[in-house]
Amino acid sequence: MVYMSEVPHDLILGETYTSKEILYFIGYNDVIVLCEETSMFTERSADKYFVLNIYETFVHRNDHGKSYNVPLKKKKVYVINKVR
């Protein structure tokens, strides 16, 4: 069970978050998170992540090679790195 108090409403540039916080943030917000070092975020991981950049931009994508999805609004895109 996830308590809403555990879900970040936003990620702040320059701040550090746990894997669990990132997982909940993605699950409860309409955002995109980019991270080169991690393919999956889990609740039990001890890893921490640093917010490198935040963009608010149109996200253009292809729907499995079948069609071009035209973005209707801008979406927040977060770029994070694992803290070593």
PDB file of N, CA and C in Angstrom:
ATOM      1  N   MET A   1       0.840  -1.173   0.000  1.00  0.00           N
ATOM      2  CA  MET A   1       0.000   0.000   0.000  1.00  0.00           C
ATOM      3  C   MET A   1       0.890   1.242   0.000  1.00  0.00           C
ATOM      4  N   VAL A   2       0.563   2.165  -0.890  1.00  0.00           N
ATOM      5  CA  VAL A   2       1.321   3.404  -1.015  1.00  0.00           C
ATOM      6  C   VAL A   2       0.534   4.527  -0.356  1.00  0.00           C
ATOM      7  N   TYR A   3       1.183   5.239   0.544  1.00  0.00           N
ATOM      8  CA  TYR A   3       0.575   6.419   1.149  1.00  0.00           C
ATOM      9  C   TYR A   3       0.954   7.630   0.314  1.00  0.00           C
ATOM     10  N   MET A   4       0.000   8.511   0.048  1.00  0.00           N
ATOM     11  CA  MET A   4       0.259   9.670  -0.793  1.00  0.00           C
ATOM     12  C   MET A   4       1.351  10.568  -0.209  1.00  0.00           C
ATOM     13  N   SER A   5       1.567  10.498   1.096  1.00  0.00           N
ATOM     14  CA  SER A   5       2.643  11.280   1.714  1.00  0.00           C
ATOM     15  C   SER A   5       4.024  10.770   1.290  1.00  0.00           C
ATOM     16  N   GLU A   6       4.076   9.543   0.743  1.00  0.00           N
ATOM     17  CA  GLU A   6       5.337   8.963   0.269  1.00  0.00           C
ATOM     18  C   GLU A   6       5.639   9.330  -1.183  1.00  0.00           C
ATOM     19  N   VAL A   7       4.661   9.904  -1.881  1.00  0.00           N
ATOM     20  CA  VAL A   7       4.808  10.207  -3.309  1.00  0.00           C
ATOM     21  C   VAL A   7       5.237  11.662  -3.484  1.00  0.00           C
ATOM     22  N   PRO A   8       6.434  11.897  -4.048  1.00  0.00           N
ATOM     23  CA  PRO A   8       6.833  13.282  -4.313  1.00  0.00           C
ATOM     24  C   PRO A   8       5.899  13.912  -5.352  1.00  0.00           C
ATOM     25  N   HIS A   9       5.522  15.166  -5.129  1.00  0.00           N
ATOM     26  CA  HIS A   9       4.680  15.874  -6.104  1.00  0.00           C
ATOM     27  C   HIS A   9       5.519  16.404  -7.255  1.00  0.00           C
ATOM     28  N   ASP A  10       6.790  16.595  -6.997  1.00  0.00           N
ATOM     29  CA  ASP A  10       7.716  17.096  -8.003  1.00  0.00           C
ATOM     30  C   ASP A  10       9.119  16.663  -7.584  1.00  0.00           C
ATOM     31  N   LEU A  11      10.035  16.608  -8.537  1.00  0.00           N
ATOM     32  CA  LEU A  11      11.445  16.396  -8.230  1.00  0.00           C
ATOM     33  C   LEU A  11      12.132  17.740  -8.389  1.00  0.00           C
ATOM     34  N   ILE A  12      13.026  18.066  -7.485  1.00  0.00           N
ATOM     35  CA  ILE A  12      13.682  19.365  -7.479  1.00  0.00           C
ATOM     36  C   ILE A  12      15.097  19.233  -8.023  1.00  0.00           C
ATOM     37  N   LEU A  13      15.441  20.116  -8.951  1.00  0.00           N
ATOM     38  CA  LEU A  13      16.762  20.137  -9.561  1.00  0.00           C
ATOM     39  C   LEU A  13      17.831  20.226  -8.480  1.00  0.00           C
ATOM     40  N   GLY A  14      18.828  19.316  -8.549  1.00  0.00           N
ATOM     41  CA  GLY A  14      19.924  19.313  -7.594  1.00  0.00           C
ATOM     42  C   GLY A  14      19.666  18.510  -6.330  1.00  0.00           C
ATOM     43  N   GLU A  15      18.464  17.972  -6.168  1.00  0.00           N
ATOM     44  CA  GLU A  15      18.122  17.183  -4.984  1.00  0.00           C
ATOM     45  C   GLU A  15      18.348  15.695  -5.246  1.00  0.00           C
ATOM     46  N   THR A  16      18.442  14.911  -4.181  1.00  0.00           N
ATOM     47  CA  THR A  16      18.659  13.470  -4.258  1.00  0.00           C
ATOM     48  C   THR A  16      17.422  12.746  -3.747  1.00  0.00           C
ATOM     49  N   TYR A  17      17.069  11.638  -4.430  1.00  0.00           N
ATOM     50  CA  TYR A  17      15.885  10.849  -4.086  1.00  0.00           C
ATOM     51  C   TYR A  17      16.229   9.369  -4.073  1.00  0.00           C
ATOM     52  N   THR A  18      15.475   8.603  -3.292  1.00  0.00           N
ATOM     53  CA  THR A  18      15.669   7.154  -3.248  1.00  0.00           C
ATOM     54  C   THR A  18      15.007   6.511  -4.465  1.00  0.00           C
ATOM     55  N   SER A  19      15.380   5.274  -4.725  1.00  0.00           N
ATOM     56  CA  SER A  19      14.758   4.505  -5.800  1.00  0.00           C
ATOM     57  C   SER A  19      13.245   4.401  -5.575  1.00  0.00           C
ATOM     58  N   LYS A  20      12.839   4.187  -4.338  1.00  0.00           N
ATOM     59  CA  LYS A  20      11.422   4.088  -3.996  1.00  0.00           C
ATOM     60  C   LYS A  20      10.687   5.388  -4.311  1.00  0.00           C
ATOM     61  N   GLU A  21      11.284   6.521  -3.978  1.00  0.00           N
ATOM     62  CA  GLU A  21      10.653   7.810  -4.275  1.00  0.00           C
ATOM     63  C   GLU A  21      10.511   8.028  -5.781  1.00  0.00           C
ATOM     64  N   ILE A  22      11.534   7.645  -6.548  1.00  0.00           N
ATOM     65  CA  ILE A  22      11.474   7.771  -8.007  1.00  0.00           C
ATOM     66  C   ILE A  22      10.379   6.860  -8.559  1.00  0.00           C
ATOM     67  N   LEU A  23      10.314   5.631  -8.087  1.00  0.00           N
ATOM     68  CA  LEU A  23       9.296   4.674  -8.517  1.00  0.00           C
ATOM     69  C   LEU A  23       7.891   5.229  -8.275  1.00  0.00           C
ATOM     70  N   TYR A  24       7.632   5.723  -7.083  1.00  0.00           N
ATOM     71  CA  TYR A  24       6.316   6.276  -6.753  1.00  0.00           C
ATOM     72  C   TYR A  24       6.030   7.539  -7.563  1.00  0.00           C
ATOM     73  N   PHE A  25       7.045   8.372  -7.757  1.00  0.00           N
ATOM     74  CA  PHE A  25       6.881   9.598  -8.531  1.00  0.00           C
ATOM     75  C   PHE A  25       6.433   9.284  -9.955  1.00  0.00           C
ATOM     76  N   ILE A  26       7.073   8.307 -10.586  1.00  0.00           N
ATOM     77  CA  ILE A  26       6.703   7.907 -11.952  1.00  0.00           C
ATOM     78  C   ILE A  26       5.303   7.307 -11.975  1.00  0.00           C
ATOM     79  N   GLY A  27       4.984   6.507 -10.974  1.00  0.00           N
ATOM     80  CA  GLY A  27       3.699   5.821 -10.939  1.00  0.00           C
ATOM     81  C   GLY A  27       2.496   6.724 -10.730  1.00  0.00           C
ATOM     82  N   TYR A  28       2.698   7.882 -10.103  1.00  0.00           N
ATOM     83  CA  TYR A  28       1.570   8.742  -9.748  1.00  0.00           C
ATOM     84  C   TYR A  28       1.587  10.106 -10.434  1.00  0.00           C
ATOM     85  N   ASN A  29       2.495  10.303 -11.384  1.00  0.00           N
ATOM     86  CA  ASN A  29       2.574  11.573 -12.111  1.00  0.00           C
ATOM     87  C   ASN A  29       2.771  11.300 -13.594  1.00  0.00           C
ATOM     88  N   ASP A  30       2.271  12.182 -14.425  1.00  0.00           N
ATOM     89  CA  ASP A  30       2.400  12.052 -15.877  1.00  0.00           C
ATOM     90  C   ASP A  30       3.710  12.703 -16.309  1.00  0.00           C
ATOM     91  N   VAL A  31       4.814  11.966 -16.127  1.00  0.00           N
ATOM     92  CA  VAL A  31       6.154  12.486 -16.388  1.00  0.00           C
ATOM     93  C   VAL A  31       6.990  11.426 -17.105  1.00  0.00           C
ATOM     94  N   ILE A  32       8.147  11.867 -17.568  1.00  0.00           N
ATOM     95  CA  ILE A  32       9.139  10.954 -18.140  1.00  0.00           C
ATOM     96  C   ILE A  32      10.418  11.138 -17.336  1.00  0.00           C
ATOM     97  N   VAL A  33      11.051  10.030 -16.949  1.00  0.00           N
ATOM     98  CA  VAL A  33      12.320  10.073 -16.226  1.00  0.00           C
ATOM     99  C   VAL A  33      13.355   9.330 -17.062  1.00  0.00           C
ATOM    100  N   LEU A  34      14.465  10.003 -17.326  1.00  0.00           N
ATOM    101  CA  LEU A  34      15.565   9.409 -18.080  1.00  0.00           C
ATOM    102  C   LEU A  34      16.720   9.123 -17.127  1.00  0.00           C
ATOM    103  N   CYS A  35      17.238   7.898 -17.198  1.00  0.00           N
ATOM    104  CA  CYS A  35      18.362   7.507 -16.343  1.00  0.00           C
ATOM    105  C   CYS A  35      19.193   6.469 -17.095  1.00  0.00           C
ATOM    106  N   GLU A  36      20.464   6.777 -17.331  1.00  0.00           N
ATOM    107  CA  GLU A  36      21.333   5.869 -18.086  1.00  0.00           C
ATOM    108  C   GLU A  36      21.743   4.635 -17.302  1.00  0.00           C
ATOM    109  N   GLU A  37      21.857   4.728 -15.991  1.00  0.00           N
ATOM    110  CA  GLU A  37      22.424   3.633 -15.200  1.00  0.00           C
ATOM    111  C   GLU A  37      21.423   2.591 -14.728  1.00  0.00           C
ATOM    112  N   THR A  38      20.127   2.900 -14.762  1.00  0.00           N
ATOM    113  CA  THR A  38      19.145   2.013 -14.149  1.00  0.00           C
ATOM    114  C   THR A  38      18.034   1.676 -15.129  1.00  0.00           C
ATOM    115  N   SER A  39      17.754   0.384 -15.285  1.00  0.00           N
ATOM    116  CA  SER A  39      16.676  -0.034 -16.178  1.00  0.00           C
ATOM    117  C   SER A  39      15.341  -0.173 -15.445  1.00  0.00           C
ATOM    118  N   MET A  40      15.392  -0.304 -14.097  1.00  0.00           N
ATOM    119  CA  MET A  40      14.158  -0.448 -13.314  1.00  0.00           C
ATOM    120  C   MET A  40      14.376   0.103 -11.902  1.00  0.00           C
ATOM    121  N   PHE A  41      13.390   0.841 -11.413  1.00  0.00           N
ATOM    122  CA  PHE A  41      13.410   1.344 -10.040  1.00  0.00           C
ATOM    123  C   PHE A  41      12.573   0.410  -9.179  1.00  0.00           C
ATOM    124  N   THR A  42      13.065   0.115  -7.972  1.00  0.00           N
ATOM    125  CA  THR A  42      12.336  -0.779  -7.073  1.00  0.00           C
ATOM    126  C   THR A  42      12.208  -0.154  -5.694  1.00  0.00           C
ATOM    127  N   GLU A  43      11.260  -0.664  -4.932  1.00  0.00           N
ATOM    128  CA  GLU A  43      11.029  -0.168  -3.576  1.00  0.00           C
ATOM    129  C   GLU A  43      12.154  -0.551  -2.616  1.00  0.00           C
ATOM    130  N   ARG A  44      12.774  -1.675  -2.854  1.00  0.00           N
ATOM    131  CA  ARG A  44      13.750  -2.207  -1.900  1.00  0.00           C
ATOM    132  C   ARG A  44      15.191  -1.811  -2.177  1.00  0.00           C
ATOM    133  N   SER A  45      15.422  -1.136  -3.286  1.00  0.00           N
ATOM    134  CA  SER A  45      16.785  -0.738  -3.630  1.00  0.00           C
ATOM    135  C   SER A  45      17.291   0.358  -2.695  1.00  0.00           C
ATOM    136  N   ALA A  46      18.570   0.287  -2.358  1.00  0.00           N
ATOM    137  CA  ALA A  46      19.200   1.318  -1.525  1.00  0.00           C
ATOM    138  C   ALA A  46      19.803   2.435  -2.373  1.00  0.00           C
ATOM    139  N   ASP A  47      19.677   2.329  -3.696  1.00  0.00           N
ATOM    140  CA  ASP A  47      20.256   3.326  -4.597  1.00  0.00           C
ATOM    141  C   ASP A  47      19.583   4.682  -4.425  1.00  0.00           C
ATOM    142  N   LYS A  48      20.376   5.724  -4.656  1.00  0.00           N
ATOM    143  CA  LYS A  48      19.880   7.099  -4.624  1.00  0.00           C
ATOM    144  C   LYS A  48      20.176   7.748  -5.958  1.00  0.00           C
ATOM    145  N   TYR A  49      19.358   8.750  -6.318  1.00  0.00           N
ATOM    146  CA  TYR A  49      19.449   9.399  -7.613  1.00  0.00           C
ATOM    147  C   TYR A  49      19.428  10.907  -7.465  1.00  0.00           C
ATOM    148  N   PHE A  50      20.247  11.555  -8.287  1.00  0.00           N
ATOM    149  CA  PHE A  50      20.416  12.999  -8.280  1.00  0.00           C
ATOM    150  C   PHE A  50      19.730  13.585  -9.516  1.00  0.00           C
ATOM    151  N   VAL A  51      18.947  14.640  -9.345  1.00  0.00           N
ATOM    152  CA  VAL A  51      18.248  15.276 -10.473  1.00  0.00           C
ATOM    153  C   VAL A  51      19.213  16.239 -11.166  1.00  0.00           C
ATOM    154  N   LEU A  52      19.606  15.873 -12.399  1.00  0.00           N
ATOM    155  CA  LEU A  52      20.561  16.665 -13.178  1.00  0.00           C
ATOM    156  C   LEU A  52      19.905  17.787 -13.957  1.00  0.00           C
ATOM    157  N   ASN A  53      18.719  17.506 -14.515  1.00  0.00           N
ATOM    158  CA  ASN A  53      18.060  18.497 -15.358  1.00  0.00           C
ATOM    159  C   ASN A  53      16.574  18.210 -15.430  1.00  0.00           C
ATOM    160  N   ILE A  54      15.818  19.252 -15.721  1.00  0.00           N
ATOM    161  CA  ILE A  54      14.375  19.132 -15.899  1.00  0.00           C
ATOM    162  C   ILE A  54      14.003  19.940 -17.136  1.00  0.00           C
ATOM    163  N   TYR A  55      13.267  19.307 -18.034  1.00  0.00           N
ATOM    164  CA  TYR A  55      12.783  19.970 -19.242  1.00  0.00           C
ATOM    165  C   TYR A  55      11.266  19.943 -19.249  1.00  0.00           C
ATOM    166  N   GLU A  56      10.668  20.986 -19.757  1.00  0.00           N
ATOM    167  CA  GLU A  56       9.238  20.959 -20.041  1.00  0.00           C
ATOM    168  C   GLU A  56       9.144  21.158 -21.542  1.00  0.00           C
ATOM    169  N   THR A  57       8.818  20.067 -22.250  1.00  0.00           N
ATOM    170  CA  THR A  57       8.942  20.070 -23.704  1.00  0.00           C
ATOM    171  C   THR A  57       7.893  19.162 -24.341  1.00  0.00           C
ATOM    172  N   PHE A  58       7.721  19.309 -25.633  1.00  0.00           N
ATOM    173  CA  PHE A  58       6.854  18.398 -26.375  1.00  0.00           C
ATOM    174  C   PHE A  58       7.612  17.088 -26.600  1.00  0.00           C
ATOM    175  N   VAL A  59       6.984  15.966 -26.301  1.00  0.00           N
ATOM    176  CA  VAL A  59       7.600  14.658 -26.477  1.00  0.00           C
ATOM    177  C   VAL A  59       6.981  14.017 -27.722  1.00  0.00           C
ATOM    178  N   HIS A  60       7.798  13.845 -28.735  1.00  0.00           N
ATOM    179  CA  HIS A  60       7.358  13.233 -29.985  1.00  0.00           C
ATOM    180  C   HIS A  60       7.732  11.764 -29.956  1.00  0.00           C
ATOM    181  N   ARG A  61       6.801  10.907 -30.329  1.00  0.00           N
ATOM    182  CA  ARG A  61       7.107   9.479 -30.284  1.00  0.00           C
ATOM    183  C   ARG A  61       6.360   8.726 -31.375  1.00  0.00           C
ATOM    184  N   ASN A  62       6.792   7.501 -31.561  1.00  0.00           N
ATOM    185  CA  ASN A  62       6.218   6.608 -32.546  1.00  0.00           C
ATOM    186  C   ASN A  62       5.521   5.482 -31.793  1.00  0.00           C
ATOM    187  N   ASP A  63       4.326   5.139 -32.207  1.00  0.00           N
ATOM    188  CA  ASP A  63       3.551   4.096 -31.540  1.00  0.00           C
ATOM    189  C   ASP A  63       3.853   2.737 -32.159  1.00  0.00           C
ATOM    190  N   HIS A  64       4.957   2.113 -31.712  1.00  0.00           N
ATOM    191  CA  HIS A  64       5.366   0.772 -32.157  1.00  0.00           C
ATOM    192  C   HIS A  64       5.473   0.657 -33.672  1.00  0.00           C
ATOM    193  N   GLY A  65       5.993   1.706 -34.313  1.00  0.00           N
ATOM    194  CA  GLY A  65       6.209   1.675 -35.756  1.00  0.00           C
ATOM    195  C   GLY A  65       4.965   1.848 -36.589  1.00  0.00           C
ATOM    196  N   LYS A  66       3.826   2.093 -35.951  1.00  0.00           N
ATOM    197  CA  LYS A  66       2.568   2.174 -36.695  1.00  0.00           C
ATOM    198  C   LYS A  66       2.114   3.605 -36.963  1.00  0.00           C
ATOM    199  N   SER A  67       2.345   4.503 -36.020  1.00  0.00           N
ATOM    200  CA  SER A  67       1.865   5.858 -36.216  1.00  0.00           C
ATOM    201  C   SER A  67       2.672   6.856 -35.395  1.00  0.00           C
ATOM    202  N   TYR A  68       2.612   8.087 -35.823  1.00  0.00           N
ATOM    203  CA  TYR A  68       3.271   9.190 -35.144  1.00  0.00           C
ATOM    204  C   TYR A  68       2.268   9.821 -34.186  1.00  0.00           C
ATOM    205  N   ASN A  69       2.613   9.850 -32.901  1.00  0.00           N
ATOM    206  CA  ASN A  69       1.751  10.461 -31.899  1.00  0.00           C
ATOM    207  C   ASN A  69       2.101  11.931 -31.765  1.00  0.00           C
ATOM    208  N   VAL A  70       1.208  12.789 -32.184  1.00  0.00           N
ATOM    209  CA  VAL A  70       1.421  14.228 -32.104  1.00  0.00           C
ATOM    210  C   VAL A  70       1.138  14.672 -30.668  1.00  0.00           C
ATOM    211  N   PRO A  71       2.112  15.289 -30.016  1.00  0.00           N
ATOM    212  CA  PRO A  71       1.889  15.726 -28.638  1.00  0.00           C
ATOM    213  C   PRO A  71       0.925  16.908 -28.584  1.00  0.00           C
ATOM    214  N   LEU A  72      -0.025  16.854 -27.664  1.00  0.00           N
ATOM    215  CA  LEU A  72      -0.997  17.931 -27.517  1.00  0.00           C
ATOM    216  C   LEU A  72      -0.551  18.972 -26.498  1.00  0.00           C
ATOM    217  N   LYS A  73       0.306  18.551 -25.582  1.00  0.00           N
ATOM    218  CA  LYS A  73       0.797  19.492 -24.568  1.00  0.00           C
ATOM    219  C   LYS A  73       2.220  19.106 -24.188  1.00  0.00           C
ATOM    220  N   LYS A  74       2.871  20.024 -23.518  1.00  0.00           N
ATOM    221  CA  LYS A  74       4.235  19.759 -23.053  1.00  0.00           C
ATOM    222  C   LYS A  74       4.198  18.812 -21.871  1.00  0.00           C
ATOM    223  N   LYS A  75       5.275  18.060 -21.730  1.00  0.00           N
ATOM    224  CA  LYS A  75       5.408  17.101 -20.633  1.00  0.00           C
ATOM    225  C   LYS A  75       6.732  17.367 -19.925  1.00  0.00           C
ATOM    226  N   LYS A  76       6.753  17.131 -18.625  1.00  0.00           N
ATOM    227  CA  LYS A  76       7.999  17.283 -17.880  1.00  0.00           C
ATOM    228  C   LYS A  76       8.859  16.041 -18.064  1.00  0.00           C
ATOM    229  N   VAL A  77      10.127  16.291 -18.363  1.00  0.00           N
ATOM    230  CA  VAL A  77      11.107  15.224 -18.539  1.00  0.00           C
ATOM    231  C   VAL A  77      12.234  15.481 -17.545  1.00  0.00           C
ATOM    232  N   TYR A  78      12.495  14.490 -16.691  1.00  0.00           N
ATOM    233  CA  TYR A  78      13.525  14.594 -15.670  1.00  0.00           C
ATOM    234  C   TYR A  78      14.712  13.737 -16.063  1.00  0.00           C
ATOM    235  N   VAL A  79      15.903  14.303 -15.968  1.00  0.00           N
ATOM    236  CA  VAL A  79      17.140  13.563 -16.233  1.00  0.00           C
ATOM    237  C   VAL A  79      17.823  13.356 -14.883  1.00  0.00           C
ATOM    238  N   ILE A  80      18.030  12.080 -14.528  1.00  0.00           N
ATOM    239  CA  ILE A  80      18.623  11.756 -13.229  1.00  0.00           C
ATOM    240  C   ILE A  80      19.822  10.828 -13.410  1.00  0.00           C
ATOM    241  N   ASN A  81      20.698  10.830 -12.429  1.00  0.00           N
ATOM    242  CA  ASN A  81      21.859   9.935 -12.406  1.00  0.00           C
ATOM    243  C   ASN A  81      21.924   9.250 -11.056  1.00  0.00           C
ATOM    244  N   LYS A  82      22.403   8.020 -11.082  1.00  0.00           N
ATOM    245  CA  LYS A  82      22.608   7.280  -9.828  1.00  0.00           C
ATOM    246  C   LYS A  82      23.773   7.893  -9.064  1.00  0.00           C
ATOM    247  N   VAL A  83      23.591   8.074  -7.769  1.00  0.00           N
ATOM    248  CA  VAL A  83      24.649   8.587  -6.909  1.00  0.00           C
ATOM    249  C   VAL A  83      25.584   7.432  -6.599  1.00  0.00           C
ATOM    250  N   ARG A  84      26.857   7.638  -6.787  1.00  0.00           N
ATOM    251  CA  ARG A  84      27.838   6.569  -6.561  1.00  0.00           C
ATOM    252  C   ARG A  84      28.490   6.719  -5.209  1.00  0.00           C
TER     253      ARG A  84
END
